[in-house]
Amino acid sequence: MTTPRLGAGEIVGRLVALLFAGGAVAFGVVLIASSLGLPAPVIWLVALAAVGSIAWKLVPRAATASSAAVTTSEGVAVSDATHDGQGPLVGIIMGSRSDMAVMEECTAMLDTLGVPYEVVVASAHRQPEKVHDWASGAADRGLRVIIAAAGKAAHLGGVVAAYTTLPVVAVPMKTSDLGGLDSLLSMVQMPSGVPVACVAINGAKNAAILATQVLGTSMPRYRDAIAAMKAELAEG
Protein backbone atom coordinates (compact mmCIF):
# COMPACT_ATOMS: atom_id res chain seq x y z
CA MET A 1 0.00 0.00 0.00
CA THR A 2 1.30 3.46 -0.83
CA THR A 3 -1.32 5.91 0.44
CA PRO A 4 -4.97 5.56 1.36
CA ARG A 5 -6.98 5.45 -1.85
CA LEU A 6 -8.80 8.58 -2.93
CA GLY A 7 -12.55 8.55 -2.56
CA ALA A 8 -14.72 8.46 -5.68
CA GLY A 9 -15.82 12.06 -5.15
CA GLU A 10 -12.26 13.35 -4.97
CA ILE A 11 -11.23 11.39 -8.05
CA VAL A 12 -14.16 12.81 -10.03
CA GLY A 13 -13.32 16.30 -8.78
CA ARG A 14 -9.74 15.94 -9.95
CA LEU A 15 -10.80 14.66 -13.34
CA VAL A 16 -13.22 17.57 -13.78
CA ALA A 17 -10.45 19.98 -12.77
CA LEU A 18 -8.16 18.29 -15.28
CA LEU A 19 -10.76 18.67 -18.03
CA PHE A 20 -11.23 22.40 -17.50
CA ALA A 21 -7.63 23.28 -16.67
CA GLY A 22 -6.26 21.10 -19.45
CA GLY A 23 -8.68 22.53 -21.98
CA ALA A 24 -7.81 26.09 -21.01
CA VAL A 25 -4.07 25.44 -21.17
CA ALA A 26 -4.34 23.59 -24.49
CA PHE A 27 -6.34 26.46 -26.00
CA GLY A 28 -3.80 28.99 -24.77
CA VAL A 29 -0.86 26.96 -26.08
CA VAL A 30 -2.49 26.51 -29.49
CA LEU A 31 -3.30 30.23 -29.68
CA ILE A 32 0.24 31.32 -28.80
CA ALA A 33 1.91 28.71 -31.00
CA SER A 34 -0.31 29.65 -33.94
CA SER A 35 0.62 33.32 -33.56
CA LEU A 36 4.28 32.27 -33.73
CA GLY A 37 3.67 30.41 -36.97
CA LEU A 38 4.70 26.97 -35.67
CA PRO A 39 3.69 23.89 -37.72
CA ALA A 40 0.42 22.22 -36.67
CA PRO A 41 2.06 18.95 -35.47
CA VAL A 42 4.42 20.90 -33.20
CA ILE A 43 1.52 22.95 -31.84
CA TRP A 44 -0.44 19.85 -30.86
CA LEU A 45 2.58 18.12 -29.37
CA VAL A 46 3.23 21.14 -27.16
CA ALA A 47 -0.45 21.26 -26.17
CA LEU A 48 -0.49 17.56 -25.27
CA ALA A 49 2.70 17.97 -23.21
CA ALA A 50 1.15 20.85 -21.30
CA VAL A 51 -2.04 18.89 -20.58
CA GLY A 52 0.01 15.85 -19.57
CA SER A 53 1.98 17.88 -17.03
CA ILE A 54 -1.28 19.10 -15.48
CA ALA A 55 -2.63 15.55 -15.37
CA TRP A 56 0.52 14.42 -13.56
CA LYS A 57 -0.06 17.05 -10.89
CA LEU A 58 -3.80 16.55 -10.49
CA VAL A 59 -4.19 12.78 -10.61
CA PRO A 60 -1.03 11.16 -9.22
CA ARG A 61 -2.64 9.58 -6.17
CA ALA A 62 -5.68 8.41 -8.09
CA ALA A 63 -3.39 6.62 -10.52
CA THR A 64 -0.81 5.28 -8.09
CA ALA A 65 -2.88 4.43 -5.03
CA SER A 66 -2.38 0.77 -4.22
CA SER A 67 -5.00 -1.63 -5.46
CA ALA A 68 -4.34 -3.52 -2.23
CA ALA A 69 -6.38 -1.08 -0.17
CA VAL A 70 -9.87 0.33 -0.03
CA THR A 71 -11.11 3.24 2.04
CA THR A 72 -14.20 3.03 4.21
CA SER A 73 -16.65 5.83 4.87
CA GLU A 74 -14.87 6.40 8.20
CA GLY A 75 -11.62 7.17 6.39
CA VAL A 76 -9.95 3.88 7.32
CA ALA A 77 -7.81 2.33 4.60
CA VAL A 78 -7.92 -1.48 4.67
CA SER A 79 -5.55 -3.85 2.86
CA ASP A 80 -7.16 -6.65 0.88
CA ALA A 81 -4.91 -9.38 2.32
CA THR A 82 -6.88 -11.72 4.59
CA HIS A 83 -6.09 -14.44 7.10
CA ASP A 84 -8.44 -17.37 6.61
CA GLY A 85 -11.16 -14.98 5.53
CA GLN A 86 -10.64 -12.61 8.47
CA GLY A 87 -10.25 -8.88 8.20
CA PRO A 88 -7.26 -6.76 9.30
CA LEU A 89 -5.08 -8.07 12.13
CA VAL A 90 -2.86 -5.02 12.54
CA GLY A 91 -4.19 -1.52 13.05
CA ILE A 92 -1.98 1.41 12.03
CA ILE A 93 -2.82 4.85 13.38
CA MET A 94 -0.85 8.03 12.74
CA GLY A 95 -1.27 11.56 13.96
CA SER A 96 -0.91 13.26 10.58
CA ARG A 97 -1.08 12.38 6.88
CA SER A 98 2.48 13.65 6.58
CA ASP A 99 3.55 10.62 8.63
CA MET A 100 2.53 8.36 5.72
CA ALA A 101 5.79 9.18 3.93
CA VAL A 102 7.60 7.22 6.66
CA MET A 103 4.84 4.72 7.44
CA GLU A 104 4.78 3.46 3.85
CA GLU A 105 7.77 1.36 4.92
CA CYS A 106 5.51 -0.22 7.53
CA THR A 107 2.64 -0.99 5.15
CA ALA A 108 5.06 -2.25 2.50
CA MET A 109 6.62 -4.69 4.98
CA LEU A 110 3.21 -5.91 6.15
CA ASP A 111 2.26 -6.45 2.51
CA THR A 112 5.46 -8.45 2.00
CA LEU A 113 4.76 -10.57 5.06
CA GLY A 114 1.14 -11.10 4.03
CA VAL A 115 -0.35 -9.39 7.07
CA PRO A 116 -3.78 -7.74 6.63
CA TYR A 117 -4.02 -4.30 8.17
CA GLU A 118 -6.02 -1.10 8.37
CA VAL A 119 -4.75 2.47 8.41
CA VAL A 120 -6.35 5.53 9.99
CA VAL A 121 -5.18 9.11 10.49
CA ALA A 122 -6.26 10.60 13.83
CA SER A 123 -4.52 12.99 16.19
CA ALA A 124 -4.61 12.38 19.93
CA HIS A 125 -4.71 16.14 20.44
CA ARG A 126 -6.92 17.35 17.59
CA GLN A 127 -9.27 14.35 17.28
CA PRO A 128 -9.39 12.66 20.70
CA GLU A 129 -12.91 11.27 20.18
CA LYS A 130 -11.94 9.66 16.88
CA VAL A 131 -8.88 8.08 18.52
CA HIS A 132 -11.03 6.83 21.40
CA ASP A 133 -13.65 5.27 19.12
CA TRP A 134 -11.07 3.62 16.84
CA ALA A 135 -8.88 2.26 19.65
CA SER A 136 -11.64 1.11 22.00
CA GLY A 137 -13.27 -0.91 19.21
CA ALA A 138 -10.03 -2.34 17.79
CA ALA A 139 -10.23 -5.74 19.51
CA ASP A 140 -13.88 -6.17 18.58
CA ARG A 141 -12.98 -5.56 14.93
CA GLY A 142 -10.50 -8.45 15.09
CA LEU A 143 -7.25 -6.49 15.39
CA ARG A 144 -4.47 -8.22 17.34
CA VAL A 145 -1.75 -5.53 17.37
CA ILE A 146 -1.72 -1.75 16.97
CA ILE A 147 1.07 0.38 15.51
CA ALA A 148 0.91 4.07 16.45
CA ALA A 149 3.08 6.72 14.76
CA ALA A 150 3.36 10.34 15.82
CA GLY A 151 5.83 13.18 16.26
CA LYS A 152 6.75 15.86 18.79
CA ALA A 153 4.49 15.47 21.87
CA ALA A 154 3.73 11.98 20.58
CA HIS A 155 1.12 10.84 23.07
CA LEU A 156 -0.80 8.91 20.42
CA GLY A 157 0.63 5.51 21.34
CA GLY A 158 -0.02 6.05 25.02
CA VAL A 159 -3.55 7.33 24.47
CA VAL A 160 -4.34 4.33 22.27
CA ALA A 161 -2.86 1.98 24.89
CA ALA A 162 -5.16 3.52 27.48
CA TYR A 163 -8.22 2.61 25.39
CA THR A 164 -7.34 -0.98 24.45
CA THR A 165 -5.92 -4.19 25.89
CA LEU A 166 -4.10 -4.93 22.62
CA PRO A 167 -0.31 -4.57 22.47
CA VAL A 168 0.75 -1.20 21.04
CA VAL A 169 3.96 -0.61 19.07
CA ALA A 170 4.91 3.06 18.82
CA VAL A 171 6.89 4.67 16.00
CA PRO A 172 8.42 8.04 16.96
CA MET A 173 8.58 10.40 13.98
CA LYS A 174 11.72 12.40 13.25
CA THR A 175 11.12 16.11 13.84
CA SER A 176 12.77 19.23 12.45
CA ASP A 177 13.41 20.82 15.84
CA LEU A 178 14.70 18.02 18.10
CA GLY A 179 15.37 15.34 15.51
CA GLY A 180 12.75 12.99 16.92
CA LEU A 181 14.17 12.79 20.43
CA ASP A 182 11.05 14.59 21.65
CA SER A 183 8.86 11.95 19.99
CA LEU A 184 10.96 9.09 21.33
CA LEU A 185 10.97 10.23 24.95
CA SER A 186 7.24 10.95 25.02
CA MET A 187 6.59 7.40 23.79
CA VAL A 188 8.97 5.38 25.93
CA GLN A 189 8.29 7.20 29.21
CA MET A 190 4.95 5.50 29.86
CA PRO A 191 3.60 5.14 33.41
CA SER A 192 3.63 1.74 35.10
CA GLY A 193 0.71 -0.44 34.04
CA VAL A 194 0.32 1.08 30.56
CA PRO A 195 3.27 -0.20 28.50
CA VAL A 196 3.97 0.79 24.91
CA ALA A 197 6.67 -0.96 22.89
CA CYS A 198 8.78 1.56 20.98
CA VAL A 199 11.01 1.15 17.93
CA ALA A 200 13.67 3.54 16.67
CA ILE A 201 12.94 7.01 15.35
CA ASN A 202 11.26 6.51 11.95
CA GLY A 203 11.55 2.75 12.55
CA ALA A 204 8.38 1.96 10.62
CA LYS A 205 9.75 -1.20 9.02
CA ASN A 206 10.77 -2.66 12.38
CA ALA A 207 7.33 -1.85 13.77
CA ALA A 208 5.76 -4.00 11.05
CA ILE A 209 8.20 -6.84 11.77
CA LEU A 210 7.58 -6.66 15.51
CA ALA A 211 3.82 -6.66 15.01
CA THR A 212 4.14 -9.70 12.76
CA GLN A 213 6.25 -11.46 15.39
CA VAL A 214 3.49 -10.82 17.94
CA LEU A 215 0.99 -12.40 15.55
CA GLY A 216 3.40 -15.30 15.07
CA THR A 217 3.12 -16.33 18.71
CA SER A 218 -0.32 -17.74 17.93
CA MET A 219 -0.39 -17.90 14.11
CA PRO A 220 2.25 -20.20 12.58
CA ARG A 221 1.98 -18.65 9.11
CA TYR A 222 3.38 -15.36 10.41
CA ARG A 223 6.08 -17.10 12.42
CA ASP A 224 7.08 -18.82 9.18
CA ALA A 225 7.03 -15.50 7.32
CA ILE A 226 9.44 -14.00 9.86
CA ALA A 227 11.67 -17.09 9.66
CA ALA A 228 11.82 -16.74 5.87
CA MET A 229 12.67 -13.05 6.16
CA LYS A 230 15.48 -13.78 8.63
CA ALA A 231 16.84 -16.45 6.31
CA GLU A 232 17.02 -13.88 3.51
CA LEU A 233 18.81 -11.45 5.83
CA ALA A 234 21.35 -14.14 6.71
CA GLU A 235 22.10 -14.70 3.02
CA GLY A 236 22.97 -11.03 2.69
C-alpha atoms as a PDB file:
ATOM      1  CA  MET A   1       0.000   0.000   0.000  1.00  0.00           C
ATOM      2  CA  THR A   2       1.301   3.460  -0.827  1.00  0.00           C
ATOM      3  CA  THR A   3      -1.315   5.907   0.442  1.00  0.00           C
ATOM      4  CA  PRO A   4      -4.973   5.558   1.355  1.00  0.00           C
ATOM      5  CA  ARG A   5      -6.982   5.453  -1.854  1.00  0.00           C
ATOM      6  CA  LEU A   6      -8.804   8.576  -2.929  1.00  0.00           C
ATOM      7  CA  GLY A   7     -12.553   8.555  -2.557  1.00  0.00           C
ATOM      8  CA  ALA A   8     -14.717   8.464  -5.684  1.00  0.00           C
ATOM      9  CA  GLY A   9     -15.817  12.061  -5.153  1.00  0.00           C
ATOM     10  CA  GLU A  10     -12.258  13.353  -4.971  1.00  0.00           C
ATOM     11  CA  ILE A  11     -11.229  11.393  -8.051  1.00  0.00           C
ATOM     12  CA  VAL A  12     -14.159  12.810 -10.026  1.00  0.00           C
ATOM     13  CA  GLY A  13     -13.317  16.295  -8.775  1.00  0.00           C
ATOM     14  CA  ARG A  14      -9.738  15.939  -9.952  1.00  0.00           C
ATOM     15  CA  LEU A  15     -10.803  14.656 -13.339  1.00  0.00           C
ATOM     16  CA  VAL A  16     -13.220  17.573 -13.783  1.00  0.00           C
ATOM     17  CA  ALA A  17     -10.448  19.980 -12.773  1.00  0.00           C
ATOM     18  CA  LEU A  18      -8.160  18.289 -15.279  1.00  0.00           C
ATOM     19  CA  LEU A  19     -10.762  18.666 -18.027  1.00  0.00           C
ATOM     20  CA  PHE A  20     -11.227  22.399 -17.504  1.00  0.00           C
ATOM     21  CA  ALA A  21      -7.631  23.280 -16.671  1.00  0.00           C
ATOM     22  CA  GLY A  22      -6.256  21.098 -19.447  1.00  0.00           C
ATOM     23  CA  GLY A  23      -8.676  22.529 -21.978  1.00  0.00           C
ATOM     24  CA  ALA A  24      -7.813  26.089 -21.014  1.00  0.00           C
ATOM     25  CA  VAL A  25      -4.073  25.440 -21.170  1.00  0.00           C
ATOM     26  CA  ALA A  26      -4.339  23.587 -24.491  1.00  0.00           C
ATOM     27  CA  PHE A  27      -6.342  26.455 -25.998  1.00  0.00           C
ATOM     28  CA  GLY A  28      -3.802  28.985 -24.772  1.00  0.00           C
ATOM     29  CA  VAL A  29      -0.862  26.964 -26.078  1.00  0.00           C
ATOM     30  CA  VAL A  30      -2.492  26.511 -29.489  1.00  0.00           C
ATOM     31  CA  LEU A  31      -3.301  30.228 -29.680  1.00  0.00           C
ATOM     32  CA  ILE A  32       0.243  31.323 -28.804  1.00  0.00           C
ATOM     33  CA  ALA A  33       1.909  28.713 -31.004  1.00  0.00           C
ATOM     34  CA  SER A  34      -0.308  29.654 -33.944  1.00  0.00           C
ATOM     35  CA  SER A  35       0.621  33.320 -33.559  1.00  0.00           C
ATOM     36  CA  LEU A  36       4.282  32.271 -33.731  1.00  0.00           C
ATOM     37  CA  GLY A  37       3.673  30.408 -36.974  1.00  0.00           C
ATOM     38  CA  LEU A  38       4.695  26.971 -35.673  1.00  0.00           C
ATOM     39  CA  PRO A  39       3.695  23.891 -37.719  1.00  0.00           C
ATOM     40  CA  ALA A  40       0.418  22.217 -36.674  1.00  0.00           C
ATOM     41  CA  PRO A  41       2.064  18.951 -35.466  1.00  0.00           C
ATOM     42  CA  VAL A  42       4.425  20.900 -33.201  1.00  0.00           C
ATOM     43  CA  ILE A  43       1.519  22.948 -31.836  1.00  0.00           C
ATOM     44  CA  TRP A  44      -0.444  19.852 -30.860  1.00  0.00           C
ATOM     45  CA  LEU A  45       2.581  18.122 -29.366  1.00  0.00           C
ATOM     46  CA  VAL A  46       3.228  21.139 -27.157  1.00  0.00           C
ATOM     47  CA  ALA A  47      -0.446  21.264 -26.169  1.00  0.00           C
ATOM     48  CA  LEU A  48      -0.488  17.563 -25.268  1.00  0.00           C
ATOM     49  CA  ALA A  49       2.700  17.966 -23.214  1.00  0.00           C
ATOM     50  CA  ALA A  50       1.146  20.853 -21.295  1.00  0.00           C
ATOM     51  CA  VAL A  51      -2.044  18.893 -20.581  1.00  0.00           C
ATOM     52  CA  GLY A  52       0.013  15.855 -19.574  1.00  0.00           C
ATOM     53  CA  SER A  53       1.981  17.881 -17.034  1.00  0.00           C
ATOM     54  CA  ILE A  54      -1.275  19.102 -15.478  1.00  0.00           C
ATOM     55  CA  ALA A  55      -2.629  15.551 -15.369  1.00  0.00           C
ATOM     56  CA  TRP A  56       0.519  14.422 -13.560  1.00  0.00           C
ATOM     57  CA  LYS A  57      -0.058  17.049 -10.887  1.00  0.00           C
ATOM     58  CA  LEU A  58      -3.802  16.551 -10.493  1.00  0.00           C
ATOM     59  CA  VAL A  59      -4.194  12.779 -10.607  1.00  0.00           C
ATOM     60  CA  PRO A  60      -1.033  11.158  -9.216  1.00  0.00           C
ATOM     61  CA  ARG A  61      -2.641   9.583  -6.168  1.00  0.00           C
ATOM     62  CA  ALA A  62      -5.682   8.413  -8.086  1.00  0.00           C
ATOM     63  CA  ALA A  63      -3.394   6.623 -10.519  1.00  0.00           C
ATOM     64  CA  THR A  64      -0.806   5.282  -8.088  1.00  0.00           C
ATOM     65  CA  ALA A  65      -2.882   4.430  -5.029  1.00  0.00           C
ATOM     66  CA  SER A  66      -2.380   0.771  -4.216  1.00  0.00           C
ATOM     67  CA  SER A  67      -5.003  -1.635  -5.456  1.00  0.00           C
ATOM     68  CA  ALA A  68      -4.336  -3.520  -2.231  1.00  0.00           C
ATOM     69  CA  ALA A  69      -6.378  -1.077  -0.172  1.00  0.00           C
ATOM     70  CA  VAL A  70      -9.869   0.329  -0.029  1.00  0.00           C
ATOM     71  CA  THR A  71     -11.107   3.239   2.044  1.00  0.00           C
ATOM     72  CA  THR A  72     -14.198   3.029   4.206  1.00  0.00           C
ATOM     73  CA  SER A  73     -16.653   5.827   4.866  1.00  0.00           C
ATOM     74  CA  GLU A  74     -14.869   6.396   8.199  1.00  0.00           C
ATOM     75  CA  GLY A  75     -11.617   7.168   6.386  1.00  0.00           C
ATOM     76  CA  VAL A  76      -9.954   3.882   7.320  1.00  0.00           C
ATOM     77  CA  ALA A  77      -7.806   2.327   4.598  1.00  0.00           C
ATOM     78  CA  VAL A  78      -7.923  -1.478   4.665  1.00  0.00           C
ATOM     79  CA  SER A  79      -5.548  -3.853   2.856  1.00  0.00           C
ATOM     80  CA  ASP A  80      -7.156  -6.652   0.883  1.00  0.00           C
ATOM     81  CA  ALA A  81      -4.911  -9.383   2.324  1.00  0.00           C
ATOM     82  CA  THR A  82      -6.877 -11.718   4.589  1.00  0.00           C
ATOM     83  CA  HIS A  83      -6.088 -14.439   7.096  1.00  0.00           C
ATOM     84  CA  ASP A  84      -8.439 -17.369   6.612  1.00  0.00           C
ATOM     85  CA  GLY A  85     -11.161 -14.985   5.528  1.00  0.00           C
ATOM     86  CA  GLN A  86     -10.637 -12.612   8.469  1.00  0.00           C
ATOM     87  CA  GLY A  87     -10.246  -8.880   8.203  1.00  0.00           C
ATOM     88  CA  PRO A  88      -7.260  -6.759   9.302  1.00  0.00           C
ATOM     89  CA  LEU A  89      -5.084  -8.075  12.129  1.00  0.00           C
ATOM     90  CA  VAL A  90      -2.861  -5.020  12.544  1.00  0.00           C
ATOM     91  CA  GLY A  91      -4.189  -1.520  13.054  1.00  0.00           C
ATOM     92  CA  ILE A  92      -1.982   1.413  12.033  1.00  0.00           C
ATOM     93  CA  ILE A  93      -2.819   4.850  13.384  1.00  0.00           C
ATOM     94  CA  MET A  94      -0.848   8.026  12.744  1.00  0.00           C
ATOM     95  CA  GLY A  95      -1.268  11.563  13.960  1.00  0.00           C
ATOM     96  CA  SER A  96      -0.911  13.258  10.582  1.00  0.00           C
ATOM     97  CA  ARG A  97      -1.084  12.378   6.879  1.00  0.00           C
ATOM     98  CA  SER A  98       2.482  13.647   6.582  1.00  0.00           C
ATOM     99  CA  ASP A  99       3.545  10.618   8.629  1.00  0.00           C
ATOM    100  CA  MET A 100       2.534   8.364   5.723  1.00  0.00           C
ATOM    101  CA  ALA A 101       5.790   9.185   3.931  1.00  0.00           C
ATOM    102  CA  VAL A 102       7.599   7.218   6.661  1.00  0.00           C
ATOM    103  CA  MET A 103       4.844   4.723   7.439  1.00  0.00           C
ATOM    104  CA  GLU A 104       4.778   3.457   3.848  1.00  0.00           C
ATOM    105  CA  GLU A 105       7.769   1.355   4.922  1.00  0.00           C
ATOM    106  CA  CYS A 106       5.506  -0.224   7.530  1.00  0.00           C
ATOM    107  CA  THR A 107       2.635  -0.987   5.153  1.00  0.00           C
ATOM    108  CA  ALA A 108       5.063  -2.253   2.505  1.00  0.00           C
ATOM    109  CA  MET A 109       6.624  -4.692   4.980  1.00  0.00           C
ATOM    110  CA  LEU A 110       3.210  -5.906   6.153  1.00  0.00           C
ATOM    111  CA  ASP A 111       2.258  -6.448   2.510  1.00  0.00           C
ATOM    112  CA  THR A 112       5.464  -8.448   1.999  1.00  0.00           C
ATOM    113  CA  LEU A 113       4.759 -10.573   5.062  1.00  0.00           C
ATOM    114  CA  GLY A 114       1.138 -11.101   4.028  1.00  0.00           C
ATOM    115  CA  VAL A 115      -0.354  -9.390   7.073  1.00  0.00           C
ATOM    116  CA  PRO A 116      -3.776  -7.742   6.631  1.00  0.00           C
ATOM    117  CA  TYR A 117      -4.017  -4.298   8.173  1.00  0.00           C
ATOM    118  CA  GLU A 118      -6.020  -1.103   8.370  1.00  0.00           C
ATOM    119  CA  VAL A 119      -4.750   2.471   8.415  1.00  0.00           C
ATOM    120  CA  VAL A 120      -6.347   5.529   9.986  1.00  0.00           C
ATOM    121  CA  VAL A 121      -5.183   9.113  10.489  1.00  0.00           C
ATOM    122  CA  ALA A 122      -6.264  10.601  13.833  1.00  0.00           C
ATOM    123  CA  SER A 123      -4.518  12.993  16.195  1.00  0.00           C
ATOM    124  CA  ALA A 124      -4.615  12.383  19.929  1.00  0.00           C
ATOM    125  CA  HIS A 125      -4.707  16.140  20.441  1.00  0.00           C
ATOM    126  CA  ARG A 126      -6.922  17.353  17.594  1.00  0.00           C
ATOM    127  CA  GLN A 127      -9.272  14.355  17.278  1.00  0.00           C
ATOM    128  CA  PRO A 128      -9.391  12.655  20.699  1.00  0.00           C
ATOM    129  CA  GLU A 129     -12.907  11.271  20.184  1.00  0.00           C
ATOM    130  CA  LYS A 130     -11.938   9.655  16.881  1.00  0.00           C
ATOM    131  CA  VAL A 131      -8.884   8.084  18.525  1.00  0.00           C
ATOM    132  CA  HIS A 132     -11.029   6.826  21.396  1.00  0.00           C
ATOM    133  CA  ASP A 133     -13.646   5.268  19.117  1.00  0.00           C
ATOM    134  CA  TRP A 134     -11.075   3.623  16.841  1.00  0.00           C
ATOM    135  CA  ALA A 135      -8.882   2.263  19.649  1.00  0.00           C
ATOM    136  CA  SER A 136     -11.639   1.108  22.000  1.00  0.00           C
ATOM    137  CA  GLY A 137     -13.268  -0.909  19.208  1.00  0.00           C
ATOM    138  CA  ALA A 138     -10.033  -2.338  17.787  1.00  0.00           C
ATOM    139  CA  ALA A 139     -10.232  -5.742  19.511  1.00  0.00           C
ATOM    140  CA  ASP A 140     -13.883  -6.168  18.576  1.00  0.00           C
ATOM    141  CA  ARG A 141     -12.976  -5.558  14.926  1.00  0.00           C
ATOM    142  CA  GLY A 142     -10.495  -8.450  15.087  1.00  0.00           C
ATOM    143  CA  LEU A 143      -7.255  -6.490  15.392  1.00  0.00           C
ATOM    144  CA  ARG A 144      -4.468  -8.223  17.337  1.00  0.00           C
ATOM    145  CA  VAL A 145      -1.749  -5.535  17.370  1.00  0.00           C
ATOM    146  CA  ILE A 146      -1.718  -1.755  16.973  1.00  0.00           C
ATOM    147  CA  ILE A 147       1.067   0.381  15.512  1.00  0.00           C
ATOM    148  CA  ALA A 148       0.913   4.073  16.447  1.00  0.00           C
ATOM    149  CA  ALA A 149       3.079   6.717  14.758  1.00  0.00           C
ATOM    150  CA  ALA A 150       3.363  10.336  15.817  1.00  0.00           C
ATOM    151  CA  GLY A 151       5.826  13.177  16.259  1.00  0.00           C
ATOM    152  CA  LYS A 152       6.750  15.859  18.792  1.00  0.00           C
ATOM    153  CA  ALA A 153       4.485  15.466  21.875  1.00  0.00           C
ATOM    154  CA  ALA A 154       3.734  11.983  20.576  1.00  0.00           C
ATOM    155  CA  HIS A 155       1.120  10.844  23.073  1.00  0.00           C
ATOM    156  CA  LEU A 156      -0.805   8.905  20.420  1.00  0.00           C
ATOM    157  CA  GLY A 157       0.633   5.507  21.339  1.00  0.00           C
ATOM    158  CA  GLY A 158      -0.020   6.050  25.022  1.00  0.00           C
ATOM    159  CA  VAL A 159      -3.546   7.329  24.467  1.00  0.00           C
ATOM    160  CA  VAL A 160      -4.339   4.331  22.269  1.00  0.00           C
ATOM    161  CA  ALA A 161      -2.861   1.978  24.890  1.00  0.00           C
ATOM    162  CA  ALA A 162      -5.162   3.523  27.479  1.00  0.00           C
ATOM    163  CA  TYR A 163      -8.220   2.612  25.395  1.00  0.00           C
ATOM    164  CA  THR A 164      -7.344  -0.976  24.451  1.00  0.00           C
ATOM    165  CA  THR A 165      -5.921  -4.185  25.891  1.00  0.00           C
ATOM    166  CA  LEU A 166      -4.103  -4.930  22.619  1.00  0.00           C
ATOM    167  CA  PRO A 167      -0.309  -4.565  22.473  1.00  0.00           C
ATOM    168  CA  VAL A 168       0.755  -1.203  21.035  1.00  0.00           C
ATOM    169  CA  VAL A 169       3.963  -0.614  19.068  1.00  0.00           C
ATOM    170  CA  ALA A 170       4.910   3.056  18.816  1.00  0.00           C
ATOM    171  CA  VAL A 171       6.891   4.674  16.002  1.00  0.00           C
ATOM    172  CA  PRO A 172       8.421   8.040  16.960  1.00  0.00           C
ATOM    173  CA  MET A 173       8.576  10.400  13.983  1.00  0.00           C
ATOM    174  CA  LYS A 174      11.718  12.401  13.253  1.00  0.00           C
ATOM    175  CA  THR A 175      11.121  16.113  13.835  1.00  0.00           C
ATOM    176  CA  SER A 176      12.775  19.226  12.454  1.00  0.00           C
ATOM    177  CA  ASP A 177      13.409  20.824  15.843  1.00  0.00           C
ATOM    178  CA  LEU A 178      14.700  18.017  18.096  1.00  0.00           C
ATOM    179  CA  GLY A 179      15.374  15.344  15.510  1.00  0.00           C
ATOM    180  CA  GLY A 180      12.749  12.987  16.916  1.00  0.00           C
ATOM    181  CA  LEU A 181      14.175  12.788  20.433  1.00  0.00           C
ATOM    182  CA  ASP A 182      11.054  14.587  21.652  1.00  0.00           C
ATOM    183  CA  SER A 183       8.855  11.953  19.988  1.00  0.00           C
ATOM    184  CA  LEU A 184      10.955   9.094  21.326  1.00  0.00           C
ATOM    185  CA  LEU A 185      10.971  10.226  24.945  1.00  0.00           C
ATOM    186  CA  SER A 186       7.242  10.950  25.020  1.00  0.00           C
ATOM    187  CA  MET A 187       6.591   7.402  23.794  1.00  0.00           C
ATOM    188  CA  VAL A 188       8.972   5.377  25.927  1.00  0.00           C
ATOM    189  CA  GLN A 189       8.294   7.196  29.214  1.00  0.00           C
ATOM    190  CA  MET A 190       4.946   5.496  29.864  1.00  0.00           C
ATOM    191  CA  PRO A 191       3.596   5.145  33.406  1.00  0.00           C
ATOM    192  CA  SER A 192       3.627   1.742  35.104  1.00  0.00           C
ATOM    193  CA  GLY A 193       0.708  -0.437  34.037  1.00  0.00           C
ATOM    194  CA  VAL A 194       0.317   1.080  30.558  1.00  0.00           C
ATOM    195  CA  PRO A 195       3.266  -0.203  28.498  1.00  0.00           C
ATOM    196  CA  VAL A 196       3.970   0.792  24.913  1.00  0.00           C
ATOM    197  CA  ALA A 197       6.666  -0.956  22.886  1.00  0.00           C
ATOM    198  CA  CYS A 198       8.777   1.556  20.976  1.00  0.00           C
ATOM    199  CA  VAL A 199      11.012   1.147  17.932  1.00  0.00           C
ATOM    200  CA  ALA A 200      13.671   3.536  16.673  1.00  0.00           C
ATOM    201  CA  ILE A 201      12.944   7.010  15.347  1.00  0.00           C
ATOM    202  CA  ASN A 202      11.265   6.509  11.945  1.00  0.00           C
ATOM    203  CA  GLY A 203      11.548   2.753  12.550  1.00  0.00           C
ATOM    204  CA  ALA A 204       8.376   1.960  10.622  1.00  0.00           C
ATOM    205  CA  LYS A 205       9.751  -1.197   9.018  1.00  0.00           C
ATOM    206  CA  ASN A 206      10.766  -2.660  12.381  1.00  0.00           C
ATOM    207  CA  ALA A 207       7.325  -1.846  13.767  1.00  0.00           C
ATOM    208  CA  ALA A 208       5.765  -4.005  11.054  1.00  0.00           C
ATOM    209  CA  ILE A 209       8.201  -6.843  11.767  1.00  0.00           C
ATOM    210  CA  LEU A 210       7.584  -6.663  15.513  1.00  0.00           C
ATOM    211  CA  ALA A 211       3.816  -6.655  15.006  1.00  0.00           C
ATOM    212  CA  THR A 212       4.142  -9.701  12.764  1.00  0.00           C
ATOM    213  CA  GLN A 213       6.250 -11.464  15.392  1.00  0.00           C
ATOM    214  CA  VAL A 214       3.487 -10.820  17.940  1.00  0.00           C
ATOM    215  CA  LEU A 215       0.991 -12.404  15.550  1.00  0.00           C
ATOM    216  CA  GLY A 216       3.402 -15.296  15.069  1.00  0.00           C
ATOM    217  CA  THR A 217       3.118 -16.331  18.706  1.00  0.00           C
ATOM    218  CA  SER A 218      -0.323 -17.744  17.926  1.00  0.00           C
ATOM    219  CA  MET A 219      -0.387 -17.899  14.110  1.00  0.00           C
ATOM    220  CA  PRO A 220       2.249 -20.196  12.577  1.00  0.00           C
ATOM    221  CA  ARG A 221       1.978 -18.652   9.107  1.00  0.00           C
ATOM    222  CA  TYR A 222       3.382 -15.359  10.412  1.00  0.00           C
ATOM    223  CA  ARG A 223       6.083 -17.099  12.415  1.00  0.00           C
ATOM    224  CA  ASP A 224       7.082 -18.824   9.181  1.00  0.00           C
ATOM    225  CA  ALA A 225       7.026 -15.497   7.322  1.00  0.00           C
ATOM    226  CA  ILE A 226       9.440 -14.003   9.858  1.00  0.00           C
ATOM    227  CA  ALA A 227      11.667 -17.091   9.657  1.00  0.00           C
ATOM    228  CA  ALA A 228      11.819 -16.737   5.867  1.00  0.00           C
ATOM    229  CA  MET A 229      12.665 -13.054   6.165  1.00  0.00           C
ATOM    230  CA  LYS A 230      15.478 -13.785   8.633  1.00  0.00           C
ATOM    231  CA  ALA A 231      16.837 -16.448   6.305  1.00  0.00           C
ATOM    232  CA  GLU A 232      17.022 -13.880   3.511  1.00  0.00           C
ATOM    233  CA  LEU A 233      18.806 -11.448   5.827  1.00  0.00           C
ATOM    234  CA  ALA A 234      21.351 -14.139   6.707  1.00  0.00           C
ATOM    235  CA  GLU A 235      22.100 -14.705   3.018  1.00  0.00           C
ATOM    236  CA  GLY A 236      22.972 -11.030   2.691  1.00  0.00           C
END
